[in-house]
Amino acid sequence: MYRLLTTVVFILAATDIALLMVHEFNEHQTLPYFTLLAGLIFLP
């Protein structure tokens, strides 16, 4: 259960970063970093 949650968060963070980098990286530059931070917090 916990493993699934961390995997979903990690995938969401990865797709969020990819989409923002491709789509509008200049406007929402800090957003992907926040999601990545959240993923790293929930990882352990």
Foldseek 3Di string as FASTA:
>chain_A
DLVVVLVVLVVVLVVVVVCCVPPPCPVPVCVSVVSVVVSVVSVD
